[in-house]
Protein backbone atom coordinates (compact mmCIF):
# COMPACT_ATOMS: atom_id res chain seq x y z
CA UNK A 1 39.33 131.93 113.18
CA UNK A 2 39.03 128.33 114.29
CA UNK A 3 37.19 127.05 117.38
CA UNK A 4 40.47 126.23 119.15
CA UNK A 5 41.60 129.84 118.63
CA UNK A 6 38.44 131.10 120.28
CA UNK A 7 38.90 128.65 123.17
CA UNK A 8 42.51 129.82 123.61
CA UNK A 9 41.54 133.50 123.74
CA UNK A 10 38.71 132.83 126.17
CA UNK A 11 41.02 130.76 128.38
CA UNK A 12 43.80 133.36 128.25
CA UNK A 13 41.41 136.20 129.07
CA UNK A 14 39.90 134.21 131.94
CA UNK A 15 43.35 133.55 133.40
CA UNK A 16 44.33 137.21 133.03
CA UNK A 17 41.12 138.41 134.67
CA UNK A 18 41.44 135.89 137.52
CA UNK A 19 45.20 136.56 137.83
CA UNK A 20 45.95 132.87 138.37
CA UNK A 21 49.38 132.05 136.93
CA UNK A 22 49.23 128.43 138.11
CA UNK A 23 46.11 127.86 136.03
CA UNK A 24 47.84 129.42 133.01
CA UNK A 25 50.83 127.10 133.45
CA UNK A 26 48.49 124.12 133.86
CA UNK A 27 46.63 125.02 130.66
CA UNK A 28 49.98 125.29 128.88
CA UNK A 29 50.97 121.82 130.08
CA UNK A 30 47.60 120.40 129.04
CA UNK A 31 48.05 121.92 125.58
CA UNK A 32 51.44 120.24 125.25
CA UNK A 33 50.09 116.90 126.49
CA UNK A 34 47.29 117.04 123.92
CA UNK A 35 49.75 118.01 121.17
CA UNK A 36 52.05 114.99 121.62
CA UNK A 37 49.60 112.34 120.30
CA UNK A 38 48.63 114.65 117.45
CA UNK A 39 52.27 114.92 116.40
CA UNK A 40 52.50 111.11 116.56
CA UNK A 41 49.47 110.82 114.26
CA UNK A 42 50.97 113.40 111.86
CA UNK A 43 48.25 116.00 112.51
CA UNK A 44 50.82 118.75 112.37
CA UNK A 45 48.60 121.79 111.88
CA UNK A 46 46.56 121.32 115.05
CA UNK A 47 49.53 120.05 117.08
CA UNK A 48 51.62 123.05 116.04
CA UNK A 49 48.86 125.44 117.06
CA UNK A 50 48.58 123.70 120.43
CA UNK A 51 52.30 124.28 121.02
CA UNK A 52 51.76 127.95 120.19
CA UNK A 53 48.88 128.07 122.66
CA UNK A 54 51.08 126.43 125.31
CA UNK A 55 53.73 129.09 124.73
CA UNK A 56 51.04 131.76 125.03
CA UNK A 57 49.76 130.36 128.31
CA UNK A 58 53.31 130.13 129.67
CA UNK A 59 53.92 133.74 128.63
CA UNK A 60 50.72 134.84 130.38
CA UNK A 61 51.80 132.96 133.52
CA UNK A 62 55.24 134.61 133.48
CA UNK A 63 53.76 138.06 133.04
CA UNK A 64 51.28 137.54 135.89
CA UNK A 65 54.09 136.27 138.15
CA UNK A 66 56.25 139.28 137.26
CA UNK A 67 53.45 141.76 137.97
CA UNK A 68 52.63 140.08 141.29
CA UNK A 69 56.32 140.04 142.25
CA UNK A 70 56.65 143.73 141.35
CA UNK A 71 53.69 144.76 143.50
CA UNK A 72 54.73 142.57 146.44
CA UNK A 73 58.23 144.06 146.54
CA UNK A 74 57.08 147.61 145.89
CA UNK A 75 55.26 148.04 149.17
């Protein structure tokens, strides 16, 4: 497990615990912004992982939004 994997899991768990979907989306965008120069420099392994992390953060944000929407409309 690489250091960026550990940072991703810590970030994802923090967002899940805090239930902040905007932060998750922001982290996903930051991951994509960091990945672009790495793709340009042909550092494909790290850039590819960053795109996976971005997708993970976006998925976490969507799930949090769906759960919040469900509980708001339930009551």
